[in-house]
Amino acid sequence: MPALRAFEAVARLGSVVRAADELHVTHGAISQQLRALEAHLGIALLSRQGRRLKVTEDGRVYALRLRMALADIADATDAMLSLPRPDELVVAVLPSFGAHWLVRRLPKFRAAHPGLKLTLRAGLELVDFDVDRVDVAIRMGPGGWEGASQKELFRDELIAVASPHFNGGRLPRTPAEILTAPLVRTVESWAPWLAAVGLPNAVLSGPVFNDSSLIIEALRQCQGVTLTRRSLAHDLIHSGELVQLSDVATRYANPYWLVWPLRSNGTAKLQAFADWLAAEVAAYLLAVEGTTGSPLAS
């Protein structure tokens, strides 16, 4: 392998000295490796013209194939090194769900599994389990992702909320009052909620943000009212940071899922996280039912 790397570097850089610098060895060592490789193959890979080296045609083809093979080896090694370790759990999660639901509950998981190193990767993009160093992901969508195991967690719903200090505490309560108040919105459709309150043709205004965490912050600053997923607002309503303005709630289109690559099947760390998460979801759904009087079933 050192001889192959030495020859590939010389063929690519055109210089023994430059190859030696790249590989952090002496140029004498490079020359020795080249002689040994040519002797082993019985083929001249380089032609020597005084102090200059020129790659032969056979050498050029060989160097090209070596370059591709070495790149494959490097990619395979990187892939192996990128796999999570047995004592490490890497969880991919939507930023909003992570910030307003998951993170609040994680201390109990960490206390139950102190030897497990936990890493959260928040992002809006869909992780590629074949590429990304992730053990498990919490996704929202229709399900049916190929090449992965998955379990539905629960279905969410949209509710109207605001800060209790919005408008000096004089909060809109009826659907008409909510729609005439300053609105802050995500890209989520309000159509089901508008239909449920009998105002399907209402015209919406106000700024639109692409992440629900930005909406929550805008609400905290009393910038307006919004529709948001109950899972994001539930704990904030319980703590008094937000207020639900109307009893009307409409089913969110896609449920939450626990999704994991096939390589994670049967691992102790995945089972520990899945069991803990199932218990937390059950407790959350029970709390929602106790608050609203209706189940938010999966």
C-alpha atoms as a PDB file:
ATOM      1  CA  MET A   1       0.000   0.000   0.000  1.00  0.00           C
ATOM      2  CA  PRO A   2       2.775   2.571   0.717  1.00  0.00           C
ATOM      3  CA  ALA A   3       4.272   1.823  -2.718  1.00  0.00           C
ATOM      4  CA  LEU A   4       0.907   2.266  -4.430  1.00  0.00           C
ATOM      5  CA  ARG A   5       0.265   5.563  -2.651  1.00  0.00           C
ATOM      6  CA  ALA A   6       3.790   6.742  -3.515  1.00  0.00           C
ATOM      7  CA  PHE A   7       3.378   5.967  -7.215  1.00  0.00           C
ATOM      8  CA  GLU A   8      -0.100   7.537  -7.421  1.00  0.00           C
ATOM      9  CA  ALA A   9       1.201  10.733  -5.796  1.00  0.00           C
ATOM     10  CA  VAL A  10       4.233  10.939  -8.116  1.00  0.00           C
ATOM     11  CA  ALA A  11       2.072  10.339 -11.201  1.00  0.00           C
ATOM     12  CA  ARG A  12      -0.431  12.986 -10.096  1.00  0.00           C
ATOM     13  CA  LEU A  13       2.072  15.614  -8.911  1.00  0.00           C
ATOM     14  CA  GLY A  14       4.851  14.934 -11.426  1.00  0.00           C
ATOM     15  CA  SER A  15       7.552  15.120  -8.798  1.00  0.00           C
ATOM     16  CA  VAL A  16       9.168  12.809  -6.251  1.00  0.00           C
ATOM     17  CA  VAL A  17       9.870  15.757  -3.961  1.00  0.00           C
ATOM     18  CA  ARG A  18       6.287  17.025  -4.052  1.00  0.00           C
ATOM     19  CA  ALA A  19       4.952  13.499  -3.491  1.00  0.00           C
ATOM     20  CA  ALA A  20       7.279  13.111  -0.507  1.00  0.00           C
ATOM     21  CA  ASP A  21       6.016  16.391   0.949  1.00  0.00           C
ATOM     22  CA  GLU A  22       2.374  15.322   0.544  1.00  0.00           C
ATOM     23  CA  LEU A  23       2.953  11.910   2.133  1.00  0.00           C
ATOM     24  CA  HIS A  24       5.276  13.291   4.841  1.00  0.00           C
ATOM     25  CA  VAL A  25       8.195  10.978   4.004  1.00  0.00           C
ATOM     26  CA  THR A  26      11.635  11.531   2.483  1.00  0.00           C
ATOM     27  CA  HIS A  27      12.090  11.631  -1.278  1.00  0.00           C
ATOM     28  CA  GLY A  28      14.531   8.732  -0.852  1.00  0.00           C
ATOM     29  CA  ALA A  29      11.722   6.644   0.620  1.00  0.00           C
ATOM     30  CA  ILE A  30       9.492   7.530  -2.342  1.00  0.00           C
ATOM     31  CA  SER A  31      12.193   6.495  -4.827  1.00  0.00           C
ATOM     32  CA  GLN A  32      12.707   3.209  -3.001  1.00  0.00           C
ATOM     33  CA  GLN A  33       8.967   2.470  -3.083  1.00  0.00           C
ATOM     34  CA  LEU A  34       8.829   3.201  -6.819  1.00  0.00           C
ATOM     35  CA  ARG A  35      11.705   0.828  -7.573  1.00  0.00           C
ATOM     36  CA  ALA A  36      10.121  -1.895  -5.451  1.00  0.00           C
ATOM     37  CA  LEU A  37       6.764  -1.511  -7.218  1.00  0.00           C
ATOM     38  CA  GLU A  38       8.282  -1.661 -10.697  1.00  0.00           C
ATOM     39  CA  ALA A  39      10.294  -4.729  -9.700  1.00  0.00           C
ATOM     40  CA  HIS A  40       7.182  -6.438  -8.360  1.00  0.00           C
ATOM     41  CA  LEU A  41       5.145  -5.687 -11.491  1.00  0.00           C
ATOM     42  CA  GLY A  42       7.975  -6.248 -13.971  1.00  0.00           C
ATOM     43  CA  ILE A  43       6.767  -3.158 -15.853  1.00  0.00           C
ATOM     44  CA  ALA A  44       8.303   0.286 -16.205  1.00  0.00           C
ATOM     45  CA  LEU A  45       5.892   2.811 -14.738  1.00  0.00           C
ATOM     46  CA  LEU A  46       8.187   5.810 -15.077  1.00  0.00           C
ATOM     47  CA  SER A  47      10.798   6.796 -17.620  1.00  0.00           C
ATOM     48  CA  ARG A  48      13.805   8.662 -16.277  1.00  0.00           C
ATOM     49  CA  GLN A  49      15.273  11.450 -18.351  1.00  0.00           C
ATOM     50  CA  GLY A  50      18.114  12.821 -16.317  1.00  0.00           C
ATOM     51  CA  ARG A  51      16.522  14.189 -13.171  1.00  0.00           C
ATOM     52  CA  ARG A  52      13.057  14.268 -14.668  1.00  0.00           C
ATOM     53  CA  LEU A  53      10.477  11.525 -14.377  1.00  0.00           C
ATOM     54  CA  LYS A  54       7.817  10.875 -16.970  1.00  0.00           C
ATOM     55  CA  VAL A  55       4.917   8.494 -16.488  1.00  0.00           C
ATOM     56  CA  THR A  56       4.725   5.792 -19.133  1.00  0.00           C
ATOM     57  CA  GLU A  57       1.455   5.013 -20.881  1.00  0.00           C
ATOM     58  CA  ASP A  58       1.112   1.823 -18.811  1.00  0.00           C
ATOM     59  CA  GLY A  59       1.898   3.874 -15.729  1.00  0.00           C
ATOM     60  CA  ARG A  60      -0.704   6.507 -16.612  1.00  0.00           C
ATOM     61  CA  VAL A  61      -3.490   3.912 -16.891  1.00  0.00           C
ATOM     62  CA  TYR A  62      -2.318   2.169 -13.714  1.00  0.00           C
ATOM     63  CA  ALA A  63      -2.189   5.466 -11.784  1.00  0.00           C
ATOM     64  CA  LEU A  64      -5.730   6.351 -12.874  1.00  0.00           C
ATOM     65  CA  ARG A  65      -7.093   3.024 -11.645  1.00  0.00           C
ATOM     66  CA  LEU A  66      -5.122   3.303  -8.425  1.00  0.00           C
ATOM     67  CA  ARG A  67      -6.553   6.783  -7.848  1.00  0.00           C
ATOM     68  CA  MET A  68     -10.086   5.439  -8.161  1.00  0.00           C
ATOM     69  CA  ALA A  69      -9.351   2.467  -5.903  1.00  0.00           C
ATOM     70  CA  LEU A  70      -7.708   4.621  -3.227  1.00  0.00           C
ATOM     71  CA  ALA A  71     -10.711   6.979  -3.319  1.00  0.00           C
ATOM     72  CA  ASP A  72     -13.041   3.999  -2.801  1.00  0.00           C
ATOM     73  CA  ILE A  73     -10.936   2.834   0.152  1.00  0.00           C
ATOM     74  CA  ALA A  74     -11.008   6.330   1.662  1.00  0.00           C
ATOM     75  CA  ASP A  75     -14.794   6.547   1.224  1.00  0.00           C
ATOM     76  CA  ALA A  76     -15.300   3.129   2.810  1.00  0.00           C
ATOM     77  CA  THR A  77     -13.090   4.090   5.744  1.00  0.00           C
ATOM     78  CA  ASP A  78     -14.897   7.403   6.241  1.00  0.00           C
ATOM     79  CA  ALA A  79     -18.219   5.562   6.206  1.00  0.00           C
ATOM     80  CA  MET A  80     -17.037   3.142   8.878  1.00  0.00           C
ATOM     81  CA  LEU A  81     -15.609   5.931  11.033  1.00  0.00           C
ATOM     82  CA  SER A  82     -18.836   7.917  10.723  1.00  0.00           C
ATOM     83  CA  LEU A  83     -21.026   5.168  12.199  1.00  0.00           C
ATOM     84  CA  PRO A  84     -22.255   5.987  15.717  1.00  0.00           C
ATOM     85  CA  ARG A  85     -20.506   4.055  18.477  1.00  0.00           C
ATOM     86  CA  PRO A  86     -22.357   1.618  20.765  1.00  0.00           C
ATOM     87  CA  ASP A  87     -22.181   4.130  23.632  1.00  0.00           C
ATOM     88  CA  GLU A  88     -23.389   7.048  21.489  1.00  0.00           C
ATOM     89  CA  LEU A  89     -26.946   7.843  20.378  1.00  0.00           C
ATOM     90  CA  VAL A  90     -27.376  10.319  17.538  1.00  0.00           C
ATOM     91  CA  VAL A  91     -30.949  11.554  17.085  1.00  0.00           C
ATOM     92  CA  ALA A  92     -32.100  13.685  14.145  1.00  0.00           C
ATOM     93  CA  VAL A  93     -35.134  15.859  14.884  1.00  0.00           C
ATOM     94  CA  LEU A  94     -37.107  18.778  13.490  1.00  0.00           C
ATOM     95  CA  PRO A  95     -35.852  22.007  15.145  1.00  0.00           C
ATOM     96  CA  SER A  96     -39.287  23.080  16.393  1.00  0.00           C
ATOM     97  CA  PHE A  97     -40.242  19.690  17.820  1.00  0.00           C
ATOM     98  CA  GLY A  98     -36.809  19.306  19.352  1.00  0.00           C
ATOM     99  CA  ALA A  99     -36.886  22.723  21.017  1.00  0.00           C
ATOM    100  CA  HIS A 100     -40.466  22.720  22.304  1.00  0.00           C
ATOM    101  CA  TRP A 101     -41.206  19.061  23.008  1.00  0.00           C
ATOM    102  CA  LEU A 102     -38.201  16.742  23.034  1.00  0.00           C
ATOM    103  CA  VAL A 103     -35.514  18.780  24.816  1.00  0.00           C
ATOM    104  CA  ARG A 104     -37.826  19.460  27.776  1.00  0.00           C
ATOM    105  CA  ARG A 105     -38.177  15.728  28.371  1.00  0.00           C
ATOM    106  CA  LEU A 106     -34.613  14.571  27.714  1.00  0.00           C
ATOM    107  CA  PRO A 107     -33.257  14.995  31.273  1.00  0.00           C
ATOM    108  CA  LYS A 108     -35.277  11.929  32.305  1.00  0.00           C
ATOM    109  CA  PHE A 109     -33.756   9.872  29.486  1.00  0.00           C
ATOM    110  CA  ARG A 110     -30.242  11.025  30.342  1.00  0.00           C
ATOM    111  CA  ALA A 111     -30.791  10.232  34.007  1.00  0.00           C
ATOM    112  CA  ALA A 112     -31.963   6.721  33.125  1.00  0.00           C
ATOM    113  CA  HIS A 113     -29.038   6.114  30.738  1.00  0.00           C
ATOM    114  CA  PRO A 114     -26.023   8.046  32.090  1.00  0.00           C
ATOM    115  CA  GLY A 115     -23.509   5.965  30.136  1.00  0.00           C
ATOM    116  CA  LEU A 116     -25.020   6.843  26.760  1.00  0.00           C
ATOM    117  CA  LYS A 117     -23.612   9.859  24.954  1.00  0.00           C
ATOM    118  CA  LEU A 118     -26.520  11.735  23.389  1.00  0.00           C
ATOM    119  CA  THR A 119     -26.241  13.948  20.317  1.00  0.00           C
ATOM    120  CA  LEU A 120     -29.200  15.847  18.825  1.00  0.00           C
ATOM    121  CA  ARG A 121     -29.032  16.901  15.177  1.00  0.00           C
ATOM    122  CA  ALA A 122     -31.727  19.444  14.412  1.00  0.00           C
ATOM    123  CA  GLY A 123     -32.577  20.209  10.804  1.00  0.00           C
ATOM    124  CA  LEU A 124     -35.435  20.619   8.352  1.00  0.00           C
ATOM    125  CA  GLU A 125     -33.855  18.333   5.767  1.00  0.00           C
ATOM    126  CA  LEU A 126     -34.600  14.614   5.609  1.00  0.00           C
ATOM    127  CA  VAL A 127     -31.544  12.714   6.824  1.00  0.00           C
ATOM    128  CA  ASP A 128     -30.041  10.051   4.576  1.00  0.00           C
ATOM    129  CA  PHE A 129     -29.286   7.064   6.802  1.00  0.00           C
ATOM    130  CA  ASP A 130     -26.829   5.722   4.202  1.00  0.00           C
ATOM    131  CA  VAL A 131     -24.734   8.868   4.483  1.00  0.00           C
ATOM    132  CA  ASP A 132     -25.513  10.666   7.738  1.00  0.00           C
ATOM    133  CA  ARG A 133     -24.179   9.547  11.105  1.00  0.00           C
ATOM    134  CA  VAL A 134     -27.602   9.079  12.690  1.00  0.00           C
ATOM    135  CA  ASP A 135     -29.064   6.242  14.782  1.00  0.00           C
ATOM    136  CA  VAL A 136     -32.688   7.336  14.740  1.00  0.00           C
ATOM    137  CA  ALA A 137     -34.824  10.243  13.560  1.00  0.00           C
ATOM    138  CA  ILE A 138     -38.106  11.832  14.569  1.00  0.00           C
ATOM    139  CA  ARG A 139     -39.865  12.836  11.377  1.00  0.00           C
ATOM    140  CA  MET A 140     -43.184  14.297  10.340  1.00  0.00           C
ATOM    141  CA  GLY A 141     -44.703  13.019   7.138  1.00  0.00           C
ATOM    142  CA  PRO A 142     -46.849  10.384   5.444  1.00  0.00           C
ATOM    143  CA  GLY A 143     -44.552   7.493   6.362  1.00  0.00           C
ATOM    144  CA  GLY A 144     -43.546   4.675   4.046  1.00  0.00           C
ATOM    145  CA  TRP A 145     -39.859   5.638   3.771  1.00  0.00           C
ATOM    146  CA  GLU A 146     -37.917   2.945   1.939  1.00  0.00           C
ATOM    147  CA  GLY A 147     -34.912   1.276   3.487  1.00  0.00           C
ATOM    148  CA  ALA A 148     -35.863   2.225   7.046  1.00  0.00           C
ATOM    149  CA  SER A 149     -37.915   0.912   9.936  1.00  0.00           C
ATOM    150  CA  GLN A 150     -40.581   3.246  11.286  1.00  0.00           C
ATOM    151  CA  LYS A 151     -43.229   3.535  13.954  1.00  0.00           C
ATOM    152  CA  GLU A 152     -45.980   6.144  14.155  1.00  0.00           C
ATOM    153  CA  LEU A 153     -45.782   8.185  17.361  1.00  0.00           C
ATOM    154  CA  PHE A 154     -48.898  10.383  17.319  1.00  0.00           C
ATOM    155  CA  ARG A 155     -50.982  12.755  15.231  1.00  0.00           C
ATOM    156  CA  ASP A 156     -50.924  16.451  15.994  1.00  0.00           C
ATOM    157  CA  GLU A 157     -53.526  19.193  15.675  1.00  0.00           C
ATOM    158  CA  LEU A 158     -53.522  22.932  15.026  1.00  0.00           C
ATOM    159  CA  ILE A 159     -54.727  25.395  17.639  1.00  0.00           C
ATOM    160  CA  ALA A 160     -54.871  29.194  17.864  1.00  0.00           C
ATOM    161  CA  VAL A 161     -52.518  30.671  20.482  1.00  0.00           C
ATOM    162  CA  ALA A 162     -50.983  33.946  21.650  1.00  0.00           C
ATOM    163  CA  SER A 163     -49.021  35.365  24.527  1.00  0.00           C
ATOM    164  CA  PRO A 164     -51.211  36.199  27.550  1.00  0.00           C
ATOM    165  CA  HIS A 165     -49.720  39.698  27.336  1.00  0.00           C
ATOM    166  CA  PHE A 166     -50.656  40.256  23.688  1.00  0.00           C
ATOM    167  CA  ASN A 167     -52.698  43.422  23.147  1.00  0.00           C
ATOM    168  CA  GLY A 168     -52.325  44.352  26.783  1.00  0.00           C
ATOM    169  CA  GLY A 169     -54.018  41.119  27.822  1.00  0.00           C
ATOM    170  CA  ARG A 170     -57.174  41.828  25.810  1.00  0.00           C
ATOM    171  CA  LEU A 171     -57.062  38.624  23.806  1.00  0.00           C
ATOM    172  CA  PRO A 172     -59.156  37.751  20.764  1.00  0.00           C
ATOM    173  CA  ARG A 173     -61.413  34.805  21.486  1.00  0.00           C
ATOM    174  CA  THR A 174     -63.838  34.316  18.617  1.00  0.00           C
ATOM    175  CA  PRO A 175     -62.602  33.147  15.197  1.00  0.00           C
ATOM    176  CA  ALA A 176     -63.523  36.544  13.689  1.00  0.00           C
ATOM    177  CA  GLU A 177     -61.529  38.386  16.364  1.00  0.00           C
ATOM    178  CA  ILE A 178     -58.556  36.059  15.871  1.00  0.00           C
ATOM    179  CA  LEU A 179     -58.516  36.693  12.119  1.00  0.00           C
ATOM    180  CA  THR A 180     -58.660  40.477  12.524  1.00  0.00           C
ATOM    181  CA  ALA A 181     -55.748  40.457  15.002  1.00  0.00           C
ATOM    182  CA  PRO A 182     -52.140  40.726  13.743  1.00  0.00           C
ATOM    183  CA  LEU A 183     -51.187  37.278  12.460  1.00  0.00           C
ATOM    184  CA  VAL A 184     -47.817  35.550  12.312  1.00  0.00           C
ATOM    185  CA  ARG A 185     -47.821  32.403  10.209  1.00  0.00           C
ATOM    186  CA  THR A 186     -45.808  29.416   9.098  1.00  0.00           C
ATOM    187  CA  VAL A 187     -46.190  27.904   5.659  1.00  0.00           C
ATOM    188  CA  GLU A 188     -48.786  25.490   7.087  1.00  0.00           C
ATOM    189  CA  SER A 189     -52.252  25.788   5.579  1.00  0.00           C
ATOM    190  CA  TRP A 190     -54.980  27.403   7.689  1.00  0.00           C
ATOM    191  CA  ALA A 191     -57.682  26.037   5.368  1.00  0.00           C
ATOM    192  CA  PRO A 192     -58.925  23.192   7.652  1.00  0.00           C
ATOM    193  CA  TRP A 193     -59.177  25.524  10.648  1.00  0.00           C
ATOM    194  CA  LEU A 194     -60.909  28.233   8.620  1.00  0.00           C
ATOM    195  CA  ALA A 195     -63.395  25.666   7.316  1.00  0.00           C
ATOM    196  CA  ALA A 196     -64.023  24.400  10.848  1.00  0.00           C
ATOM    197  CA  VAL A 197     -64.886  27.902  12.109  1.00  0.00           C
ATOM    198  CA  GLY A 198     -67.113  28.642   9.104  1.00  0.00           C
ATOM    199  CA  LEU A 199     -64.819  31.203   7.464  1.00  0.00           C
ATOM    200  CA  PRO A 200     -63.325  29.274   4.522  1.00  0.00           C
ATOM    201  CA  ASN A 201     -62.848  32.380   2.367  1.00  0.00           C
ATOM    202  CA  ALA A 202     -61.069  34.507   4.965  1.00  0.00           C
ATOM    203  CA  VAL A 203     -58.030  36.404   3.645  1.00  0.00           C
ATOM    204  CA  LEU A 204     -54.924  35.993   5.778  1.00  0.00           C
ATOM    205  CA  SER A 205     -52.233  38.623   6.236  1.00  0.00           C
ATOM    206  CA  GLY A 206     -49.047  39.023   8.220  1.00  0.00           C
ATOM    207  CA  PRO A 207     -45.470  37.731   7.929  1.00  0.00           C
ATOM    208  CA  VAL A 208     -44.723  34.093   7.098  1.00  0.00           C
ATOM    209  CA  PHE A 209     -41.814  32.189   8.694  1.00  0.00           C
ATOM    210  CA  ASN A 210     -40.445  28.847   7.537  1.00  0.00           C
ATOM    211  CA  ASP A 211     -39.872  27.432  11.027  1.00  0.00           C
ATOM    212  CA  SER A 212     -42.283  27.165  13.934  1.00  0.00           C
ATOM    213  CA  SER A 213     -39.614  28.101  16.486  1.00  0.00           C
ATOM    214  CA  LEU A 214     -39.531  31.577  14.930  1.00  0.00           C
ATOM    215  CA  ILE A 215     -43.302  31.788  15.338  1.00  0.00           C
ATOM    216  CA  ILE A 216     -43.073  30.864  19.029  1.00  0.00           C
ATOM    217  CA  GLU A 217     -40.487  33.586  19.583  1.00  0.00           C
ATOM    218  CA  ALA A 218     -42.659  36.134  17.771  1.00  0.00           C
ATOM    219  CA  LEU A 219     -45.576  35.173  20.029  1.00  0.00           C
ATOM    220  CA  ARG A 220     -43.423  35.608  23.115  1.00  0.00           C
ATOM    221  CA  GLN A 221     -42.683  39.128  21.899  1.00  0.00           C
ATOM    222  CA  CYS A 222     -46.451  39.777  21.563  1.00  0.00           C
ATOM    223  CA  GLN A 223     -46.216  40.338  17.827  1.00  0.00           C
ATOM    224  CA  GLY A 224     -49.501  38.596  17.055  1.00  0.00           C
ATOM    225  CA  VAL A 225     -51.500  35.369  17.156  1.00  0.00           C
ATOM    226  CA  THR A 226     -51.043  32.179  15.187  1.00  0.00           C
ATOM    227  CA  LEU A 227     -52.095  28.620  14.489  1.00  0.00           C
ATOM    228  CA  THR A 228     -49.467  26.161  15.646  1.00  0.00           C
ATOM    229  CA  ARG A 229     -49.146  22.473  16.391  1.00  0.00           C
ATOM    230  CA  ARG A 230     -50.391  21.567  19.841  1.00  0.00           C
ATOM    231  CA  SER A 231     -47.220  19.553  20.506  1.00  0.00           C
ATOM    232  CA  LEU A 232     -45.202  22.778  20.285  1.00  0.00           C
ATOM    233  CA  ALA A 233     -47.559  24.859  22.401  1.00  0.00           C
ATOM    234  CA  HIS A 234     -48.757  22.380  25.050  1.00  0.00           C
ATOM    235  CA  ASP A 235     -45.953  22.854  27.568  1.00  0.00           C
ATOM    236  CA  LEU A 236     -45.902  26.617  26.979  1.00  0.00           C
ATOM    237  CA  ILE A 237     -49.645  26.798  27.640  1.00  0.00           C
ATOM    238  CA  HIS A 238     -49.171  24.731  30.801  1.00  0.00           C
ATOM    239  CA  SER A 239     -46.413  27.104  32.007  1.00  0.00           C
ATOM    240  CA  GLY A 240     -48.490  30.201  31.211  1.00  0.00           C
ATOM    241  CA  GLU A 241     -46.224  31.479  28.426  1.00  0.00           C
ATOM    242  CA  LEU A 242     -48.972  30.982  25.828  1.00  0.00           C
ATOM    243  CA  VAL A 243     -52.761  30.926  25.903  1.00  0.00           C
ATOM    244  CA  GLN A 244     -55.072  28.871  23.702  1.00  0.00           C
ATOM    245  CA  LEU A 245     -57.516  31.359  22.212  1.00  0.00           C
ATOM    246  CA  SER A 246     -60.223  29.017  20.918  1.00  0.00           C
ATOM    247  CA  ASP A 247     -61.431  25.490  21.589  1.00  0.00           C
ATOM    248  CA  VAL A 248     -61.416  24.784  17.849  1.00  0.00           C
ATOM    249  CA  ALA A 249     -58.659  22.325  16.921  1.00  0.00           C
ATOM    250  CA  THR A 250     -58.132  20.686  13.534  1.00  0.00           C
ATOM    251  CA  ARG A 251     -56.193  17.554  12.722  1.00  0.00           C
ATOM    252  CA  TYR A 252     -52.707  18.115  11.353  1.00  0.00           C
ATOM    253  CA  ALA A 253     -52.112  16.436   8.011  1.00  0.00           C
ATOM    254  CA  ASN A 254     -49.091  14.283   8.885  1.00  0.00           C
ATOM    255  CA  PRO A 255     -48.214  12.369  12.060  1.00  0.00           C
ATOM    256  CA  TYR A 256     -44.881  12.171  13.861  1.00  0.00           C
ATOM    257  CA  TRP A 257     -42.801   9.043  13.294  1.00  0.00           C
ATOM    258  CA  LEU A 258     -39.839   7.353  14.883  1.00  0.00           C
ATOM    259  CA  VAL A 259     -37.635   6.236  11.974  1.00  0.00           C
ATOM    260  CA  TRP A 260     -34.358   4.347  12.090  1.00  0.00           C
ATOM    261  CA  PRO A 261     -31.951   2.680   9.657  1.00  0.00           C
ATOM    262  CA  LEU A 262     -31.904  -1.078   9.352  1.00  0.00           C
ATOM    263  CA  ARG A 263     -28.439  -1.149  10.936  1.00  0.00           C
ATOM    264  CA  SER A 264     -29.985   0.117  14.201  1.00  0.00           C
ATOM    265  CA  ASN A 265     -32.445  -2.791  14.463  1.00  0.00           C
ATOM    266  CA  GLY A 266     -31.988  -4.707  17.690  1.00  0.00           C
ATOM    267  CA  THR A 267     -29.442  -2.366  19.248  1.00  0.00           C
ATOM    268  CA  ALA A 268     -29.791  -1.726  22.961  1.00  0.00           C
ATOM    269  CA  LYS A 269     -29.497   2.041  22.595  1.00  0.00           C
ATOM    270  CA  LEU A 270     -32.309   2.209  20.018  1.00  0.00           C
ATOM    271  CA  GLN A 271     -34.559   0.053  22.165  1.00  0.00           C
ATOM    272  CA  ALA A 272     -33.849   2.216  25.212  1.00  0.00           C
ATOM    273  CA  PHE A 273     -34.711   5.407  23.333  1.00  0.00           C
ATOM    274  CA  ALA A 274     -37.786   3.930  21.649  1.00  0.00           C
ATOM    275  CA  ASP A 275     -39.173   2.617  24.948  1.00  0.00           C
ATOM    276  CA  TRP A 276     -38.547   5.919  26.725  1.00  0.00           C
ATOM    277  CA  LEU A 277     -40.086   7.929  23.886  1.00  0.00           C
ATOM    278  CA  ALA A 278     -43.180   5.712  23.782  1.00  0.00           C
ATOM    279  CA  ALA A 279     -43.719   6.308  27.500  1.00  0.00           C
ATOM    280  CA  GLU A 280     -43.285  10.078  27.083  1.00  0.00           C
ATOM    281  CA  VAL A 281     -45.711  10.177  24.163  1.00  0.00           C
ATOM    282  CA  ALA A 282     -48.282   8.210  26.167  1.00  0.00           C
ATOM    283  CA  ALA A 283     -47.956  10.630  29.094  1.00  0.00           C
ATOM    284  CA  TYR A 284     -48.239  13.617  26.757  1.00  0.00           C
ATOM    285  CA  LEU A 285     -51.365  12.275  25.050  1.00  0.00           C
ATOM    286  CA  LEU A 286     -52.941  11.577  28.419  1.00  0.00           C
ATOM    287  CA  ALA A 287     -52.180  15.141  29.521  1.00  0.00           C
ATOM    288  CA  VAL A 288     -53.720  16.524  26.318  1.00  0.00           C
ATOM    289  CA  GLU A 289     -56.833  14.442  26.802  1.00  0.00           C
ATOM    290  CA  GLY A 290     -57.092  15.662  30.389  1.00  0.00           C
ATOM    291  CA  THR A 291     -56.796  19.269  29.214  1.00  0.00           C
ATOM    292  CA  THR A 292     -59.099  19.146  26.196  1.00  0.00           C
ATOM    293  CA  GLY A 293     -61.431  16.296  27.114  1.00  0.00           C
ATOM    294  CA  SER A 294     -60.768  14.632  23.753  1.00  0.00           C
ATOM    295  CA  PRO A 295     -58.047  12.169  22.752  1.00  0.00           C
ATOM    296  CA  LEU A 296     -55.214  13.105  20.415  1.00  0.00           C
ATOM    297  CA  ALA A 297     -54.781   9.527  19.292  1.00  0.00           C
ATOM    298  CA  SER A 298     -52.241   8.125  16.874  1.00  0.00           C
END
